[in-house]
């Protein structure tokens, strides 16, 4: 009699691996006129650790480990990662009002991707430069092309933005039309643009009547449907709440997913960042309760390290310094498991903002280009 030990990996439905390997012992015996054998299981081996160690990075954009193709794909089929994988830290808000050069965009987008494992940049502000409307539209289009170029080169996705501002003009329409033109004409644009946002905080700032804003969202969705680019509004919970009875909820119903602002420093209950989680959870729960199961990102999300004319607390106990800025992101990091399980595909959060040169006090980088504190948030858990 001879024995031969072999390993059989059992396959489940649709050829997905089960988490067990079964080692079988084949005992062979010589018989008159035939050849028989018996099969006896000897032990099982847990494959969970082995599978996780051998698993290749997700073959989808913008997963960490994904290799950008040398040319644009033929379609968006299986291009984007499932939104349920986009929880915890996903990237940075990045202000473009300085109209950064293409070389700077490329360098900083690549830094976000490589140093911090960011998967997205969420644009903030606008790049009009100066001139007449026609010039602004042309410049905005050129700059939007630069954003696409830099994002493609860095392998990072973009939450694009139609900026209203606070001047009460209709210049946002010029920005909208220029952006939409690039999204349709640049072959790479739909492969890096995860969403188009209307913002920032148009409900809270009364940039448009809520019914008009909802109509803009619906119109934008129709315009971008062939590109499969969703549309949202970058807004805090209070913006929807103050318009609950005059169209705010129609806006919430119209958007494809939720770009929520989370700035607990401005709460009347604010003190130190380490005590901010109940404030965060209150607003987040409102979106969960009223968002119809839509994916949630915390888009404009942070804690300032300094106060200024436009950054003043509503609580005498609120503290703005570098330690509290750092502590706030540590609080979010400590709730990774919660963010992973929120209905709609979990909650992904952005750090607002990349540099103090973009918005004073909020940057991860200071004015001198150095990190203000160590920053290596979880991208999964």
Protein backbone atom coordinates (compact mmCIF):
# COMPACT_ATOMS: atom_id res chain seq x y z
CA UNK A 1 0.00 0.00 0.00
CA UNK A 2 1.22 3.52 -0.83
CA UNK A 3 0.03 6.89 0.44
CA UNK A 4 0.01 10.19 -1.47
CA UNK A 5 -0.89 13.45 0.24
CA UNK A 6 -2.40 16.12 -2.02
CA UNK A 7 -4.10 19.49 -1.46
CA UNK A 8 -7.49 20.22 -2.92
CA UNK A 9 -8.85 23.78 -2.87
CA UNK A 10 -12.61 23.65 -2.74
CA UNK A 11 -14.46 26.06 -4.98
CA UNK A 12 -17.77 27.62 -4.13
CA UNK A 13 -20.38 29.07 -6.43
CA UNK A 14 -19.07 31.23 -9.28
CA UNK A 15 -15.60 29.85 -8.55
CA UNK A 16 -15.05 31.94 -5.42
CA UNK A 17 -12.61 30.39 -2.96
CA UNK A 18 -13.90 29.01 0.29
CA UNK A 19 -11.72 29.78 3.27
CA UNK A 20 -10.57 26.24 3.85
CA UNK A 21 -8.04 23.97 2.26
CA UNK A 22 -8.70 20.25 2.73
CA UNK A 23 -5.76 17.92 2.80
CA UNK A 24 -6.76 14.46 1.68
CA UNK A 25 -4.78 11.26 2.12
CA UNK A 26 -5.14 8.89 -0.81
CA UNK A 27 -4.43 5.26 0.22
CA UNK A 28 -3.81 3.12 -2.81
CA UNK A 29 -4.09 -0.72 -2.70
CA UNK A 30 -3.44 -3.31 -5.34
CA UNK A 31 -6.45 -5.50 -6.05
CA UNK A 32 -6.95 -8.46 -8.36
CA UNK A 33 -8.17 -7.15 -11.70
CA UNK A 34 -8.59 -3.56 -10.60
CA UNK A 35 -7.02 -0.64 -8.79
CA UNK A 36 -8.86 0.89 -5.83
CA UNK A 37 -8.26 3.71 -3.41
CA UNK A 38 -9.82 5.30 -0.36
CA UNK A 39 -9.92 9.01 0.50
CA UNK A 40 -9.58 10.20 4.10
CA UNK A 41 -9.41 13.88 5.22
CA UNK A 42 -6.41 14.40 7.52
CA UNK A 43 -6.56 18.10 8.43
CA UNK A 44 -7.87 21.50 7.40
CA UNK A 45 -5.87 24.69 6.93
CA UNK A 46 -7.36 28.17 7.39
CA UNK A 47 -6.84 30.10 4.17
CA UNK A 48 -7.83 33.53 5.49
CA UNK A 49 -4.31 34.73 6.25
CA UNK A 50 -2.85 33.09 3.18
CA UNK A 51 -5.49 34.60 0.90
CA UNK A 52 -5.04 38.11 2.28
CA UNK A 53 -1.30 37.91 1.90
CA UNK A 54 -1.50 36.70 -1.68
CA UNK A 55 -4.34 38.93 -2.82
CA UNK A 56 -3.42 41.38 -5.59
CA UNK A 57 -4.50 45.04 -5.32
CA UNK A 58 -8.03 45.67 -6.61
CA UNK A 59 -8.00 46.06 -10.36
CA UNK A 60 -10.13 49.19 -10.33
CA UNK A 61 -9.62 52.95 -10.26
CA UNK A 62 -8.51 54.66 -8.04
CA UNK A 63 -7.51 51.80 -5.73
CA UNK A 64 -4.08 51.93 -4.17
CA UNK A 65 -1.90 49.65 -6.30
CA UNK A 66 -3.90 50.20 -9.47
CA UNK A 67 -1.73 50.78 -12.53
CA UNK A 68 -2.98 53.42 -14.92
CA UNK A 69 -3.31 52.23 -18.51
CA UNK A 70 -1.13 53.75 -21.20
CA UNK A 71 -4.24 54.82 -23.11
CA UNK A 72 -7.84 55.51 -22.21
CA UNK A 73 -9.97 52.36 -21.95
CA UNK A 74 -12.68 51.63 -24.47
CA UNK A 75 -15.43 51.99 -21.86
CA UNK A 76 -16.10 52.64 -18.18
CA UNK A 77 -17.17 49.04 -17.57
CA UNK A 78 -15.45 47.77 -14.41
CA UNK A 79 -13.34 50.93 -14.28
CA UNK A 80 -14.42 52.51 -10.99
CA UNK A 81 -13.99 50.78 -7.65
CA UNK A 82 -17.17 49.92 -5.81
CA UNK A 83 -18.12 52.79 -3.53
CA UNK A 84 -18.27 50.43 -0.56
CA UNK A 85 -14.46 50.29 -0.70
CA UNK A 86 -14.23 54.07 -0.38
CA UNK A 87 -14.49 54.60 3.35
CA UNK A 88 -12.07 56.09 5.90
CA UNK A 89 -9.54 58.59 4.50
CA UNK A 90 -9.91 59.09 0.74
CA UNK A 91 -7.90 62.26 0.02
CA UNK A 92 -7.65 66.03 0.33
CA UNK A 93 -9.64 69.11 -0.43
CA UNK A 94 -7.46 71.16 -2.75
CA UNK A 95 -8.09 74.84 -3.42
CA UNK A 96 -7.41 76.02 -6.97
CA UNK A 97 -7.97 79.76 -6.59
CA UNK A 98 -4.22 80.32 -6.99
CA UNK A 99 -4.45 78.78 -10.49
CA UNK A 100 -1.51 76.48 -9.81
CA UNK A 101 0.68 75.61 -12.75
CA UNK A 102 0.37 72.23 -14.41
CA UNK A 103 3.74 71.23 -12.98
CA UNK A 104 2.60 72.10 -9.44
CA UNK A 105 -0.68 70.23 -9.89
CA UNK A 106 1.20 67.19 -11.12
CA UNK A 107 3.66 67.31 -8.23
CA UNK A 108 1.09 67.81 -5.49
CA UNK A 109 -1.45 65.34 -6.84
CA UNK A 110 1.32 62.76 -7.05
CA UNK A 111 2.33 63.57 -3.47
CA UNK A 112 -1.24 63.06 -2.28
CA UNK A 113 -1.30 59.71 -4.00
CA UNK A 114 2.12 58.39 -3.04
CA UNK A 115 2.81 59.89 0.38
CA UNK A 116 -0.68 59.79 1.86
CA UNK A 117 -2.31 57.05 -0.25
CA UNK A 118 -5.03 59.46 -1.28
CA UNK A 119 -7.50 58.25 -3.86
CA UNK A 120 -9.15 61.60 -4.60
CA UNK A 121 -8.76 65.34 -4.62
CA UNK A 122 -11.87 67.32 -3.88
CA UNK A 123 -11.59 70.67 -5.65
CA UNK A 124 -12.37 73.86 -3.77
CA UNK A 125 -12.53 77.44 -5.04
CA UNK A 126 -12.14 78.51 -8.66
CA UNK A 127 -9.57 79.51 -11.26
CA UNK A 128 -11.03 82.27 -13.41
CA UNK A 129 -7.95 84.46 -13.75
CA UNK A 130 -9.05 87.89 -14.95
CA UNK A 131 -10.70 89.18 -18.07
CA UNK A 132 -14.03 89.22 -19.85
CA UNK A 133 -16.50 86.38 -19.60
CA UNK A 134 -15.24 84.77 -22.81
CA UNK A 135 -11.67 84.89 -21.49
CA UNK A 136 -12.70 83.47 -18.13
CA UNK A 137 -14.50 80.60 -19.88
CA UNK A 138 -11.46 79.82 -22.00
CA UNK A 139 -9.10 79.99 -19.02
CA UNK A 140 -11.40 77.87 -16.90
CA UNK A 141 -11.53 75.27 -19.65
CA UNK A 142 -7.74 75.24 -19.97
CA UNK A 143 -7.34 74.86 -16.23
CA UNK A 144 -9.90 72.05 -16.13
CA UNK A 145 -7.81 70.28 -18.75
CA UNK A 146 -4.77 70.71 -16.51
CA UNK A 147 -6.66 69.14 -13.60
CA UNK A 148 -7.56 66.13 -15.75
CA UNK A 149 -3.97 65.80 -16.98
CA UNK A 150 -2.51 65.96 -13.47
CA UNK A 151 -5.09 63.55 -12.04
CA UNK A 152 -4.53 61.00 -14.82
CA UNK A 153 -0.76 61.21 -14.38
CA UNK A 154 -1.00 60.73 -10.62
CA UNK A 155 -3.63 57.99 -10.85
CA UNK A 156 -6.00 59.93 -8.63
CA UNK A 157 -9.72 60.69 -8.93
CA UNK A 158 -11.37 64.10 -8.81
CA UNK A 159 -14.45 65.49 -7.11
CA UNK A 160 -14.89 68.43 -9.50
CA UNK A 161 -16.62 71.64 -8.43
CA UNK A 162 -18.87 74.33 -9.85
CA UNK A 163 -18.08 77.26 -7.58
CA UNK A 164 -20.82 79.79 -6.79
CA UNK A 165 -18.88 82.15 -4.55
CA UNK A 166 -20.43 84.98 -2.57
CA UNK A 167 -20.64 87.83 -5.07
CA UNK A 168 -24.19 87.10 -6.23
CA UNK A 169 -23.28 87.06 -9.92
CA UNK A 170 -24.00 84.45 -12.56
CA UNK A 171 -20.32 83.73 -13.26
CA UNK A 172 -20.91 80.23 -11.92
CA UNK A 173 -22.80 79.47 -15.13
CA UNK A 174 -19.67 80.25 -17.14
CA UNK A 175 -17.67 77.91 -14.91
CA UNK A 176 -20.34 75.23 -15.27
CA UNK A 177 -20.42 75.42 -19.06
CA UNK A 178 -16.61 75.41 -19.34
CA UNK A 179 -16.33 72.39 -17.03
CA UNK A 180 -19.03 70.45 -18.86
CA UNK A 181 -17.36 71.20 -22.16
CA UNK A 182 -14.08 69.70 -20.94
CA UNK A 183 -15.77 66.67 -19.41
CA UNK A 184 -17.28 65.92 -22.81
CA UNK A 185 -14.27 66.79 -24.96
CA UNK A 186 -11.29 65.50 -22.97
CA UNK A 187 -11.07 61.75 -23.51
CA UNK A 188 -9.55 61.18 -20.06
CA UNK A 189 -11.98 63.34 -18.10
CA UNK A 190 -14.70 60.78 -17.44
CA UNK A 191 -12.09 58.30 -16.24
CA UNK A 192 -10.85 60.56 -13.43
CA UNK A 193 -13.98 62.56 -12.54
CA UNK A 194 -15.91 60.70 -9.87
CA UNK A 195 -18.51 63.40 -9.34
CA UNK A 196 -19.37 67.02 -10.08
CA UNK A 197 -20.30 69.11 -7.06
CA UNK A 198 -22.29 72.32 -6.89
CA UNK A 199 -20.82 74.36 -4.07
CA UNK A 200 -19.60 75.35 -1.74
CA UNK A 201 -22.59 75.44 0.68
CA UNK A 202 -25.03 76.96 -1.83
CA UNK A 203 -28.04 76.29 0.40
CA UNK A 204 -26.51 77.87 3.50
CA UNK A 205 -25.27 80.85 1.44
CA UNK A 206 -28.54 81.21 -0.52
CA UNK A 207 -26.56 81.09 -3.77
CA UNK A 208 -29.75 79.88 -5.47
CA UNK A 209 -33.28 79.23 -4.34
CA UNK A 210 -33.49 75.55 -3.35
CA UNK A 211 -35.91 74.76 -6.16
CA UNK A 212 -33.54 76.32 -8.69
CA UNK A 213 -30.60 74.41 -7.23
CA UNK A 214 -32.52 71.13 -7.46
CA UNK A 215 -33.32 71.95 -11.10
CA UNK A 216 -29.62 72.60 -11.78
CA UNK A 217 -28.71 69.23 -10.28
CA UNK A 218 -31.28 67.43 -12.41
CA UNK A 219 -30.14 69.27 -15.55
CA UNK A 220 -26.49 68.48 -14.83
CA UNK A 221 -27.29 64.80 -14.33
CA UNK A 222 -28.93 64.73 -17.75
CA UNK A 223 -25.97 66.53 -19.34
CA UNK A 224 -23.42 64.15 -17.83
CA UNK A 225 -25.39 60.92 -18.03
CA UNK A 226 -23.59 59.70 -21.15
CA UNK A 227 -20.30 60.12 -19.24
CA UNK A 228 -21.68 58.29 -16.20
CA UNK A 229 -20.57 61.16 -13.93
CA UNK A 230 -22.80 61.62 -10.87
CA UNK A 231 -23.81 65.03 -9.50
CA UNK A 232 -24.01 66.26 -5.93
CA UNK A 233 -24.06 69.40 -3.78
CA UNK A 234 -21.28 70.15 -1.31
CA UNK A 235 -23.22 71.23 1.74
CA UNK A 236 -23.49 70.90 5.52
CA UNK A 237 -26.46 69.36 7.28
CA UNK A 238 -27.61 72.77 8.52
CA UNK A 239 -27.90 74.02 4.94
CA UNK A 240 -30.47 71.35 4.20
CA UNK A 241 -32.15 71.76 7.59
CA UNK A 242 -32.71 75.51 7.26
CA UNK A 243 -34.43 74.87 3.92
CA UNK A 244 -36.31 71.77 5.00
CA UNK A 245 -39.70 73.32 4.21
CA UNK A 246 -38.80 75.32 1.11
CA UNK A 247 -37.06 72.89 -1.21
CA UNK A 248 -33.93 71.75 0.61
CA UNK A 249 -35.15 68.18 0.76
CA UNK A 250 -35.80 68.25 -2.99
CA UNK A 251 -32.10 69.01 -3.44
CA UNK A 252 -31.18 66.10 -1.16
CA UNK A 253 -33.46 63.83 -3.19
CA UNK A 254 -31.99 65.00 -6.50
CA UNK A 255 -28.28 64.43 -5.77
CA UNK A 256 -26.65 61.10 -6.57
CA UNK A 257 -24.66 60.91 -3.35
CA UNK A 258 -23.87 63.11 -0.39
CA UNK A 259 -20.86 65.41 -0.08
CA UNK A 260 -21.30 66.49 3.53
CA UNK A 261 -19.43 69.32 5.23
CA UNK A 262 -18.18 68.46 8.70
CA UNK A 263 -16.67 71.39 10.58
CA UNK A 264 -17.40 70.75 14.28
CA UNK A 265 -15.18 73.65 15.40
CA UNK A 266 -18.10 75.96 14.54
CA UNK A 267 -20.64 74.12 16.66
CA UNK A 268 -22.05 75.94 19.67
CA UNK A 269 -21.04 72.80 21.62
CA UNK A 270 -17.42 72.79 20.42
CA UNK A 271 -14.54 72.60 22.87
CA UNK A 272 -11.49 70.51 21.99
CA UNK A 273 -11.24 68.19 19.02
CA UNK A 274 -11.05 65.10 21.21
CA UNK A 275 -14.61 65.86 22.31
CA UNK A 276 -15.94 66.39 18.77
CA UNK A 277 -17.27 62.93 17.92
CA UNK A 278 -20.81 63.50 19.28
CA UNK A 279 -21.03 66.64 17.11
CA UNK A 280 -19.84 64.72 14.06
CA UNK A 281 -22.23 61.87 14.76
CA UNK A 282 -25.23 64.18 15.13
CA UNK A 283 -24.82 65.61 11.64
CA UNK A 284 -23.80 62.30 10.15
CA UNK A 285 -26.87 60.60 11.60
CA UNK A 286 -29.04 63.30 10.04
CA UNK A 287 -27.65 62.47 6.62
CA UNK A 288 -28.07 58.74 7.26
CA UNK A 289 -31.67 59.24 8.38
CA UNK A 290 -32.60 61.54 5.49
CA UNK A 291 -30.27 60.49 2.69
CA UNK A 292 -32.20 57.45 1.40
CA UNK A 293 -29.18 55.16 1.68
CA UNK A 294 -26.92 57.29 -0.54
CA UNK A 295 -23.14 57.10 -0.38
CA UNK A 296 -21.65 59.70 1.98
CA UNK A 297 -18.34 61.54 1.77
CA UNK A 298 -17.20 64.14 4.29
CA UNK A 299 -15.94 66.59 1.70
CA UNK A 300 -15.17 69.86 3.52
CA UNK A 301 -13.99 68.34 6.74
CA UNK A 302 -11.45 69.54 9.27
CA UNK A 303 -10.48 71.59 12.32
CA UNK A 304 -8.51 74.87 12.09
CA UNK A 305 -5.16 75.43 13.76
CA UNK A 306 -5.72 79.20 13.94
CA UNK A 307 -8.64 81.60 13.90
CA UNK A 308 -8.98 84.51 11.48
CA UNK A 309 -11.57 87.04 10.36
CA UNK A 310 -13.54 84.36 8.57
CA UNK A 311 -12.83 81.56 11.03
CA UNK A 312 -14.34 82.36 14.41
CA UNK A 313 -15.91 79.85 16.82
CA UNK A 314 -19.50 79.92 18.00
CA UNK A 315 -18.48 78.45 21.34
CA UNK A 316 -16.18 80.21 23.84
CA UNK A 317 -14.68 76.80 24.65
CA UNK A 318 -13.58 75.96 21.09
CA UNK A 319 -9.79 75.69 20.78
CA UNK A 320 -7.92 76.25 17.52
CA UNK A 321 -4.31 75.09 17.42
CA UNK A 322 -2.16 72.54 15.63
CA UNK A 323 -2.66 69.90 18.31
CA UNK A 324 -6.44 70.10 17.97
CA UNK A 325 -6.24 69.96 14.19
CA UNK A 326 -4.22 66.77 14.52
CA UNK A 327 -6.50 65.40 17.24
CA UNK A 328 -9.58 65.86 15.05
CA UNK A 329 -8.19 63.61 12.34
CA UNK A 330 -7.15 61.09 14.98
CA UNK A 331 -10.74 61.06 16.22
CA UNK A 332 -11.96 60.23 12.71
CA UNK A 333 -9.26 57.60 12.34
CA UNK A 334 -10.33 55.93 15.57
CA UNK A 335 -13.84 55.44 14.15
CA UNK A 336 -12.76 53.69 10.95
CA UNK A 337 -14.82 50.60 11.75
CA UNK A 338 -17.94 52.73 12.16
CA UNK A 339 -17.36 54.55 8.87
CA UNK A 340 -16.99 51.20 7.14
CA UNK A 341 -20.45 50.03 8.19
CA UNK A 342 -22.60 53.11 7.53
CA UNK A 343 -25.47 52.36 5.15
CA UNK A 344 -24.94 53.33 1.53
CA UNK A 345 -21.41 52.02 1.21
CA UNK A 346 -19.67 53.50 4.21
CA UNK A 347 -18.31 57.01 4.78
CA UNK A 348 -15.17 58.31 3.13
CA UNK A 349 -13.56 61.47 4.45
CA UNK A 350 -11.36 64.17 2.99
CA UNK A 351 -8.90 66.31 4.94
CA UNK A 352 -9.68 69.97 4.41
CA UNK A 353 -7.24 71.23 3.23
CA UNK A 354 -3.91 70.35 1.58
CA UNK A 355 -1.93 73.46 2.56
CA UNK A 356 -2.22 76.60 4.68
CA UNK A 357 -1.34 78.45 1.48
CA UNK A 358 -4.78 77.42 0.23
CA UNK A 359 -6.79 78.19 3.35
CA UNK A 360 -5.09 79.59 6.47
CA UNK A 361 -5.03 77.24 9.44
CA UNK A 362 -6.63 74.24 7.81
CA UNK A 363 -3.67 72.85 5.89
CA UNK A 364 -1.87 69.63 6.61
CA UNK A 365 1.14 71.44 5.19
CA UNK A 366 2.19 74.79 6.64
CA UNK A 367 3.17 77.92 4.75
CA UNK A 368 6.78 76.73 4.64
CA UNK A 369 5.85 73.52 2.85
CA UNK A 370 6.51 71.31 5.89
CA UNK A 371 3.97 69.00 7.50
CA UNK A 372 2.44 70.63 10.57
CA UNK A 373 2.07 67.21 12.21
CA UNK A 374 2.45 63.55 11.34
CA UNK A 375 -0.44 62.46 9.14
CA UNK A 376 -0.92 58.87 8.04
CA UNK A 377 -4.65 58.09 8.35
CA UNK A 378 -6.19 54.70 7.70
CA UNK A 379 -7.55 54.02 4.24
CA UNK A 380 -9.21 50.76 5.31
CA UNK A 381 -9.83 48.67 8.39
